[in-house]
Amino acid sequence: MKLRIEPEVRPVVTSALALSGAVGVFALAFGVLAVGAGASVWQACALSFFTFTGASQMSAMSVIASGGSVGGALGGALLLAGRNGVYGLALSPYFGESLGKRLLAAHFVIDETTAMMTAQ
């Protein structure tokens, strides 16, 4: 069975596949860092689940791995995550008129989704 992709969505599919490959490599690198720093696989998965951005995950794990405090790890991670608020503001006209919809959509905006959305 051959998968048929409509010509108008082909660029989106191609970009999404390329992005997923890059994110997958980043995820593997985070797992290696986390386990190398002494975290269990479950702890690494929990940090990935509860920490929204990859940069924040890497930052927090790097601070903990080097002997820093949880507060220091949290502070750096929150500063990195704060940039997503700017992305949300930049893309807010695309999220609809309702404040609730805009806030919910802005929560899921990261650098990758911003790049994909502005490219399309």
N, C-alpha and C. Protein backbone atom coordinates (compact mmCIF):
# COMPACT_ATOMS: atom_id res chain seq x y z
N MET A 1 0.84 -1.17 0.00
CA MET A 1 0.00 0.00 0.00
C MET A 1 0.89 1.24 0.00
N LYS A 2 0.65 2.13 -0.92
CA LYS A 2 1.45 3.34 -1.03
C LYS A 2 0.74 4.50 -0.35
N LEU A 3 1.47 5.22 0.47
CA LEU A 3 0.92 6.39 1.16
C LEU A 3 0.90 7.56 0.20
N ARG A 4 -0.26 8.17 0.05
CA ARG A 4 -0.37 9.32 -0.85
C ARG A 4 -0.50 10.59 -0.04
N ILE A 5 0.40 11.53 -0.30
CA ILE A 5 0.39 12.82 0.39
C ILE A 5 0.01 13.89 -0.62
N GLU A 6 -1.01 14.64 -0.31
CA GLU A 6 -1.47 15.71 -1.19
C GLU A 6 -0.35 16.74 -1.37
N PRO A 7 -0.21 17.28 -2.58
CA PRO A 7 0.88 18.23 -2.86
C PRO A 7 0.89 19.45 -1.95
N GLU A 8 -0.29 19.93 -1.55
CA GLU A 8 -0.32 21.13 -0.71
C GLU A 8 0.13 20.89 0.73
N VAL A 9 0.08 19.65 1.18
CA VAL A 9 0.55 19.35 2.54
C VAL A 9 1.93 18.71 2.56
N ARG A 10 2.47 18.42 1.42
CA ARG A 10 3.79 17.78 1.35
C ARG A 10 4.87 18.60 2.09
N PRO A 11 4.94 19.94 1.92
CA PRO A 11 5.97 20.69 2.65
C PRO A 11 5.80 20.60 4.17
N VAL A 12 4.56 20.54 4.62
CA VAL A 12 4.30 20.45 6.06
C VAL A 12 4.76 19.10 6.59
N VAL A 13 4.43 18.04 5.86
CA VAL A 13 4.82 16.69 6.27
C VAL A 13 6.34 16.56 6.27
N THR A 14 6.98 17.07 5.22
CA THR A 14 8.44 17.00 5.13
C THR A 14 9.09 17.74 6.30
N SER A 15 8.60 18.95 6.58
CA SER A 15 9.14 19.74 7.70
C SER A 15 8.91 19.04 9.03
N ALA A 16 7.72 18.48 9.20
CA ALA A 16 7.41 17.78 10.45
C ALA A 16 8.31 16.57 10.66
N LEU A 17 8.57 15.83 9.60
CA LEU A 17 9.46 14.66 9.72
C LEU A 17 10.89 15.09 10.05
N ALA A 18 11.37 16.13 9.40
CA ALA A 18 12.72 16.63 9.69
C ALA A 18 12.80 17.12 11.13
N LEU A 19 11.79 17.84 11.58
CA LEU A 19 11.77 18.36 12.95
C LEU A 19 11.71 17.22 13.96
N SER A 20 10.90 16.21 13.67
CA SER A 20 10.80 15.09 14.62
C SER A 20 12.12 14.34 14.73
N GLY A 21 12.86 14.25 13.65
CA GLY A 21 14.18 13.62 13.71
C GLY A 21 15.14 14.41 14.59
N ALA A 22 15.13 15.72 14.42
CA ALA A 22 16.00 16.57 15.23
C ALA A 22 15.62 16.52 16.70
N VAL A 23 14.34 16.54 16.98
CA VAL A 23 13.87 16.47 18.37
C VAL A 23 14.20 15.11 18.98
N GLY A 24 14.11 14.06 18.18
CA GLY A 24 14.46 12.73 18.66
C GLY A 24 15.93 12.63 19.06
N VAL A 25 16.81 13.22 18.26
CA VAL A 25 18.24 13.23 18.59
C VAL A 25 18.46 14.02 19.89
N PHE A 26 17.78 15.15 20.03
CA PHE A 26 17.89 15.95 21.25
C PHE A 26 17.41 15.16 22.46
N ALA A 27 16.31 14.42 22.29
CA ALA A 27 15.78 13.61 23.39
C ALA A 27 16.77 12.52 23.82
N LEU A 28 17.38 11.89 22.85
CA LEU A 28 18.40 10.88 23.18
C LEU A 28 19.58 11.50 23.91
N ALA A 29 20.00 12.68 23.47
CA ALA A 29 21.11 13.38 24.14
C ALA A 29 20.73 13.72 25.58
N PHE A 30 19.49 14.15 25.79
CA PHE A 30 19.05 14.44 27.15
C PHE A 30 19.05 13.17 28.00
N GLY A 31 18.58 12.07 27.45
CA GLY A 31 18.57 10.82 28.20
C GLY A 31 19.96 10.39 28.60
N VAL A 32 20.92 10.52 27.69
CA VAL A 32 22.31 10.18 28.00
C VAL A 32 22.84 11.09 29.10
N LEU A 33 22.57 12.39 29.00
CA LEU A 33 23.02 13.34 30.03
C LEU A 33 22.41 13.00 31.38
N ALA A 34 21.10 12.74 31.39
CA ALA A 34 20.41 12.48 32.65
C ALA A 34 20.92 11.21 33.33
N VAL A 35 21.02 10.14 32.57
CA VAL A 35 21.49 8.88 33.16
C VAL A 35 22.96 9.01 33.56
N GLY A 36 23.76 9.70 32.76
CA GLY A 36 25.16 9.94 33.11
C GLY A 36 25.32 10.77 34.37
N ALA A 37 24.31 11.61 34.65
CA ALA A 37 24.35 12.45 35.86
C ALA A 37 23.84 11.71 37.08
N GLY A 38 23.39 10.47 36.88
CA GLY A 38 22.94 9.67 38.02
C GLY A 38 21.43 9.52 38.14
N ALA A 39 20.68 10.08 37.22
CA ALA A 39 19.23 9.92 37.26
C ALA A 39 18.85 8.56 36.68
N SER A 40 17.76 8.03 37.17
CA SER A 40 17.26 6.78 36.59
C SER A 40 16.50 7.12 35.30
N VAL A 41 16.21 6.11 34.54
CA VAL A 41 15.43 6.32 33.31
C VAL A 41 14.08 6.92 33.66
N TRP A 42 13.46 6.44 34.74
CA TRP A 42 12.15 6.97 35.16
C TRP A 42 12.26 8.43 35.59
N GLN A 43 13.32 8.79 36.27
CA GLN A 43 13.50 10.19 36.67
C GLN A 43 13.68 11.08 35.44
N ALA A 44 14.45 10.60 34.48
CA ALA A 44 14.63 11.36 33.23
C ALA A 44 13.31 11.52 32.51
N CYS A 45 12.51 10.46 32.46
CA CYS A 45 11.20 10.53 31.81
C CYS A 45 10.27 11.50 32.56
N ALA A 46 10.32 11.47 33.88
CA ALA A 46 9.48 12.38 34.67
C ALA A 46 9.89 13.84 34.42
N LEU A 47 11.18 14.11 34.36
CA LEU A 47 11.63 15.47 34.09
C LEU A 47 11.17 15.90 32.70
N SER A 48 11.23 15.01 31.74
CA SER A 48 10.76 15.32 30.39
C SER A 48 9.26 15.58 30.37
N PHE A 49 8.52 14.84 31.17
CA PHE A 49 7.07 15.01 31.21
C PHE A 49 6.67 16.33 31.87
N PHE A 50 7.33 16.67 32.98
CA PHE A 50 6.95 17.85 33.74
C PHE A 50 7.63 19.14 33.30
N THR A 51 8.71 19.04 32.55
CA THR A 51 9.42 20.22 32.07
C THR A 51 9.14 20.35 30.59
N PHE A 52 8.52 21.46 30.21
CA PHE A 52 7.97 21.56 28.85
C PHE A 52 9.03 21.71 27.77
N THR A 53 10.06 22.48 28.01
CA THR A 53 11.01 22.74 26.93
C THR A 53 12.29 21.92 27.09
N GLY A 54 12.84 21.50 25.97
CA GLY A 54 14.07 20.72 25.98
C GLY A 54 15.25 21.50 26.54
N ALA A 55 15.32 22.78 26.23
CA ALA A 55 16.43 23.60 26.75
C ALA A 55 16.36 23.68 28.27
N SER A 56 15.16 23.78 28.82
CA SER A 56 14.99 23.82 30.27
C SER A 56 15.39 22.49 30.90
N GLN A 57 15.06 21.38 30.24
CA GLN A 57 15.45 20.07 30.73
C GLN A 57 16.96 19.93 30.78
N MET A 58 17.61 20.30 29.68
CA MET A 58 19.08 20.21 29.60
C MET A 58 19.73 21.09 30.66
N SER A 59 19.23 22.30 30.79
CA SER A 59 19.79 23.23 31.76
C SER A 59 19.66 22.70 33.18
N ALA A 60 18.45 22.26 33.53
CA ALA A 60 18.22 21.76 34.89
C ALA A 60 19.10 20.55 35.18
N MET A 61 19.18 19.62 34.25
CA MET A 61 19.98 18.42 34.48
C MET A 61 21.46 18.77 34.55
N SER A 62 21.91 19.72 33.77
CA SER A 62 23.32 20.12 33.81
C SER A 62 23.67 20.74 35.15
N VAL A 63 22.78 21.56 35.68
CA VAL A 63 23.02 22.17 36.99
C VAL A 63 23.08 21.11 38.08
N ILE A 64 22.12 20.19 38.07
CA ILE A 64 22.10 19.12 39.07
C ILE A 64 23.33 18.22 38.92
N ALA A 65 23.71 17.90 37.69
CA ALA A 65 24.86 17.03 37.45
C ALA A 65 26.16 17.64 37.95
N SER A 66 26.24 18.96 37.91
CA SER A 66 27.47 19.62 38.36
C SER A 66 27.44 19.95 39.85
N GLY A 67 26.44 19.46 40.56
CA GLY A 67 26.39 19.64 42.00
C GLY A 67 25.60 20.86 42.44
N GLY A 68 24.90 21.50 41.52
CA GLY A 68 24.09 22.68 41.86
C GLY A 68 22.83 22.30 42.61
N SER A 69 22.17 23.31 43.11
CA SER A 69 20.95 23.09 43.89
C SER A 69 19.73 22.97 42.99
N VAL A 70 18.66 22.43 43.56
CA VAL A 70 17.40 22.33 42.83
C VAL A 70 16.89 23.73 42.52
N GLY A 71 17.08 24.67 43.44
CA GLY A 71 16.66 26.05 43.20
C GLY A 71 17.40 26.68 42.03
N GLY A 72 18.69 26.42 41.95
CA GLY A 72 19.47 26.92 40.82
C GLY A 72 19.03 26.30 39.51
N ALA A 73 18.74 25.01 39.55
CA ALA A 73 18.26 24.32 38.35
C ALA A 73 16.90 24.87 37.92
N LEU A 74 16.03 25.10 38.89
CA LEU A 74 14.70 25.61 38.59
C LEU A 74 14.77 27.04 38.05
N GLY A 75 15.62 27.86 38.64
CA GLY A 75 15.75 29.25 38.19
C GLY A 75 16.20 29.35 36.75
N GLY A 76 17.23 28.62 36.41
CA GLY A 76 17.70 28.64 35.02
C GLY A 76 16.68 28.08 34.06
N ALA A 77 16.01 27.01 34.46
CA ALA A 77 15.01 26.40 33.59
C ALA A 77 13.83 27.34 33.36
N LEU A 78 13.43 28.06 34.40
CA LEU A 78 12.31 29.00 34.25
C LEU A 78 12.69 30.18 33.35
N LEU A 79 13.92 30.64 33.46
CA LEU A 79 14.36 31.72 32.57
C LEU A 79 14.33 31.27 31.11
N LEU A 80 14.81 30.07 30.85
CA LEU A 80 14.77 29.55 29.49
C LEU A 80 13.34 29.36 29.00
N ALA A 81 12.48 28.89 29.87
CA ALA A 81 11.08 28.66 29.48
C ALA A 81 10.34 29.98 29.26
N GLY A 82 10.80 31.05 29.88
CA GLY A 82 10.15 32.35 29.74
C GLY A 82 10.14 32.87 28.31
N ARG A 83 11.10 32.46 27.53
CA ARG A 83 11.13 32.91 26.13
C ARG A 83 9.94 32.41 25.36
N ASN A 84 9.33 31.32 25.81
CA ASN A 84 8.15 30.80 25.12
C ASN A 84 6.98 31.77 25.24
N GLY A 85 6.96 32.56 26.30
CA GLY A 85 5.93 33.58 26.43
C GLY A 85 6.00 34.60 25.30
N VAL A 86 7.21 34.93 24.90
CA VAL A 86 7.40 35.87 23.79
C VAL A 86 6.90 35.23 22.49
N TYR A 87 7.19 33.95 22.30
CA TYR A 87 6.69 33.27 21.11
C TYR A 87 5.16 33.28 21.09
N GLY A 88 4.57 33.03 22.23
CA GLY A 88 3.11 33.04 22.33
C GLY A 88 2.52 34.39 21.98
N LEU A 89 3.17 35.47 22.44
CA LEU A 89 2.70 36.81 22.11
C LEU A 89 2.83 37.08 20.61
N ALA A 90 3.93 36.65 20.03
CA ALA A 90 4.16 36.89 18.60
C ALA A 90 3.14 36.16 17.73
N LEU A 91 2.71 35.01 18.16
CA LEU A 91 1.78 34.22 17.36
C LEU A 91 0.32 34.36 17.78
N SER A 92 0.05 35.17 18.80
CA SER A 92 -1.31 35.27 19.33
C SER A 92 -2.37 35.66 18.30
N PRO A 93 -2.05 36.46 17.27
CA PRO A 93 -3.11 36.76 16.29
C PRO A 93 -3.64 35.52 15.56
N TYR A 94 -2.88 34.46 15.52
CA TYR A 94 -3.29 33.24 14.82
C TYR A 94 -4.14 32.31 15.68
N PHE A 95 -4.29 32.63 16.95
CA PHE A 95 -4.94 31.70 17.88
C PHE A 95 -6.42 31.95 18.09
N GLY A 96 -7.01 32.92 17.41
CA GLY A 96 -8.44 33.19 17.57
C GLY A 96 -8.69 34.38 18.47
N GLU A 97 -9.96 34.68 18.60
CA GLU A 97 -10.37 35.87 19.36
C GLU A 97 -10.55 35.60 20.85
N SER A 98 -10.92 34.40 21.21
CA SER A 98 -11.21 34.08 22.60
C SER A 98 -9.93 34.07 23.44
N LEU A 99 -9.98 34.75 24.57
CA LEU A 99 -8.82 34.79 25.47
C LEU A 99 -8.46 33.39 25.95
N GLY A 100 -9.47 32.58 26.26
CA GLY A 100 -9.21 31.21 26.71
C GLY A 100 -8.48 30.38 25.67
N LYS A 101 -8.92 30.48 24.41
CA LYS A 101 -8.25 29.75 23.32
C LYS A 101 -6.83 30.25 23.12
N ARG A 102 -6.65 31.56 23.23
CA ARG A 102 -5.32 32.13 23.03
C ARG A 102 -4.36 31.69 24.13
N LEU A 103 -4.84 31.67 25.36
CA LEU A 103 -3.98 31.23 26.47
C LEU A 103 -3.64 29.76 26.36
N LEU A 104 -4.62 28.94 26.00
CA LEU A 104 -4.36 27.51 25.85
C LEU A 104 -3.38 27.25 24.70
N ALA A 105 -3.59 27.89 23.58
CA ALA A 105 -2.69 27.70 22.44
C ALA A 105 -1.29 28.21 22.76
N ALA A 106 -1.19 29.33 23.43
CA ALA A 106 0.12 29.91 23.76
C ALA A 106 0.92 28.99 24.67
N HIS A 107 0.23 28.19 25.47
CA HIS A 107 0.93 27.26 26.37
C HIS A 107 1.76 26.25 25.58
N PHE A 108 1.31 25.90 24.39
CA PHE A 108 1.98 24.87 23.60
C PHE A 108 2.96 25.44 22.57
N VAL A 109 3.19 26.73 22.62
CA VAL A 109 4.09 27.35 21.65
C VAL A 109 5.52 27.25 22.16
N ILE A 110 6.38 26.67 21.35
CA ILE A 110 7.81 26.60 21.63
C ILE A 110 8.54 27.04 20.37
N ASP A 111 9.84 27.07 20.41
CA ASP A 111 10.57 27.57 19.25
C ASP A 111 10.29 26.75 17.99
N GLU A 112 10.14 25.44 18.14
CA GLU A 112 9.89 24.59 16.97
C GLU A 112 8.51 24.89 16.36
N THR A 113 7.48 25.00 17.21
CA THR A 113 6.15 25.29 16.67
C THR A 113 6.09 26.69 16.09
N THR A 114 6.82 27.63 16.67
CA THR A 114 6.88 28.98 16.12
C THR A 114 7.50 28.96 14.72
N ALA A 115 8.59 28.24 14.59
CA ALA A 115 9.25 28.14 13.28
C ALA A 115 8.34 27.49 12.25
N MET A 116 7.68 26.41 12.64
CA MET A 116 6.79 25.73 11.70
C MET A 116 5.61 26.62 11.32
N MET A 117 5.04 27.31 12.28
CA MET A 117 3.88 28.13 12.01
C MET A 117 4.22 29.33 11.13
N THR A 118 5.33 29.97 11.39
CA THR A 118 5.69 31.12 10.58
C THR A 118 6.15 30.70 9.18
N ALA A 119 6.69 29.51 9.03
CA ALA A 119 7.11 29.03 7.72
C ALA A 119 5.91 28.68 6.84
N GLN A 120 4.81 28.32 7.46
CA GLN A 120 3.63 27.95 6.68
C GLN A 120 2.74 29.15 6.47
